[in-house]
């Protein structure tokens, strides 16, 4: 059985300070846009057993499995969000995602 990592609690005073400084909104917008563009590159396949698999080729290791397509999409988005947060925390460079090219 795979253990699902727990999300870290949000530091509310720090977050409030960053909102006042106007930093959180711009970062939130940039991350939201990055997530949407990455999700638009997602590929979905139906497996032999009737379940679904989804992956984002440009984001190595971002893959999800679920019994329905909708759940697979939801899981993929959650995994992508966690993948981004862990990557940023570890100082990794995120791949360039650009749908306008």
Protein backbone atom coordinates (compact mmCIF):
# COMPACT_ATOMS: atom_id res chain seq x y z
CA UNK A 1 0.00 0.00 0.00
CA UNK A 2 1.29 3.45 -0.92
CA UNK A 3 1.22 6.12 1.76
CA UNK A 4 -0.36 9.39 0.62
CA UNK A 5 1.68 12.37 1.84
CA UNK A 6 -0.16 14.84 4.02
CA UNK A 7 -0.26 18.48 3.04
CA UNK A 8 1.62 20.91 5.24
CA UNK A 9 -0.45 23.36 7.31
CA UNK A 10 -0.60 26.89 5.93
CA UNK A 11 1.27 29.56 7.89
CA UNK A 12 -1.66 32.01 8.14
CA UNK A 13 0.24 35.04 9.55
CA UNK A 14 2.89 34.70 6.83
CA UNK A 15 0.22 34.31 4.16
CA UNK A 16 -1.64 37.38 5.40
CA UNK A 17 1.59 39.40 5.31
CA UNK A 18 2.30 38.28 1.75
CA UNK A 19 -1.26 39.15 0.66
CA UNK A 20 -0.82 42.67 2.05
CA UNK A 21 2.41 42.99 0.09
CA UNK A 22 0.59 41.83 -3.05
CA UNK A 23 2.85 38.83 -3.61
CA UNK A 24 0.43 35.95 -3.13
CA UNK A 25 -2.02 36.99 -5.82
CA UNK A 26 0.65 37.19 -8.51
CA UNK A 27 2.25 33.88 -7.50
CA UNK A 28 -1.18 32.24 -7.27
CA UNK A 29 -2.08 33.47 -10.74
CA UNK A 30 1.20 32.26 -12.24
CA UNK A 31 0.88 28.82 -10.63
CA UNK A 32 -2.77 28.53 -11.64
CA UNK A 33 -1.88 29.40 -15.23
CA UNK A 34 1.01 26.90 -15.19
CA UNK A 35 -1.30 24.16 -13.87
CA UNK A 36 -3.96 24.89 -16.50
CA UNK A 37 -1.42 24.84 -19.33
CA UNK A 38 0.15 21.62 -18.04
CA UNK A 39 -3.28 19.98 -17.71
CA UNK A 40 -4.08 20.92 -21.30
CA UNK A 41 -1.15 18.70 -22.33
CA UNK A 42 -2.46 15.70 -20.40
CA UNK A 43 -2.95 12.43 -22.25
CA UNK A 44 -5.56 9.88 -21.22
CA UNK A 45 -5.79 6.19 -22.00
CA UNK A 46 -8.30 3.51 -21.12
CA UNK A 47 -6.62 0.35 -19.85
CA UNK A 48 -7.66 -3.22 -20.61
CA UNK A 49 -9.39 -3.55 -17.24
CA UNK A 50 -11.58 -0.50 -17.95
CA UNK A 51 -9.69 1.90 -15.69
CA UNK A 52 -7.99 5.07 -16.88
CA UNK A 53 -4.45 6.38 -16.81
CA UNK A 54 -3.45 10.00 -17.35
CA UNK A 55 -0.04 11.61 -17.63
CA UNK A 56 1.56 14.91 -18.48
CA UNK A 57 4.54 14.06 -20.70
CA UNK A 58 6.48 17.26 -20.00
CA UNK A 59 6.20 16.73 -16.22
CA UNK A 60 8.22 13.60 -15.51
CA UNK A 61 6.51 11.33 -13.00
CA UNK A 62 3.11 13.04 -13.07
CA UNK A 63 0.75 10.11 -13.66
CA UNK A 64 -2.62 9.10 -12.26
CA UNK A 65 -4.83 6.01 -12.32
CA UNK A 66 -8.56 5.88 -11.56
CA UNK A 67 -11.72 3.93 -12.31
CA UNK A 68 -13.41 6.85 -14.12
CA UNK A 69 -12.10 9.48 -16.51
CA UNK A 70 -13.37 12.30 -14.30
CA UNK A 71 -11.65 10.88 -11.21
CA UNK A 72 -8.47 10.30 -13.22
CA UNK A 73 -8.47 13.96 -14.27
CA UNK A 74 -9.06 15.08 -10.68
CA UNK A 75 -6.26 12.85 -9.41
CA UNK A 76 -3.88 14.08 -12.12
CA UNK A 77 -4.48 17.72 -11.16
CA UNK A 78 -3.87 16.94 -7.48
CA UNK A 79 -0.69 15.02 -8.27
CA UNK A 80 0.53 17.85 -10.52
CA UNK A 81 -0.08 20.42 -7.76
CA UNK A 82 1.86 18.32 -5.24
CA UNK A 83 4.62 17.65 -7.78
CA UNK A 84 5.04 21.40 -8.33
CA UNK A 85 5.11 22.17 -4.60
CA UNK A 86 7.66 19.44 -3.85
CA UNK A 87 9.79 20.50 -6.82
CA UNK A 88 9.81 24.12 -5.70
CA UNK A 89 10.58 23.15 -2.11
CA UNK A 90 13.53 21.03 -3.29
CA UNK A 91 14.78 23.77 -5.61
CA UNK A 92 14.08 21.89 -8.84
CA UNK A 93 13.53 23.78 -12.07
CA UNK A 94 10.05 23.27 -13.46
CA UNK A 95 9.76 22.37 -17.13
CA UNK A 96 8.67 25.13 -19.48
CA UNK A 97 5.03 24.70 -20.43
CA UNK A 98 3.89 26.83 -23.32
CA UNK A 99 0.74 26.14 -25.29
CA UNK A 100 0.90 29.30 -27.36
CA UNK A 101 3.78 28.02 -29.50
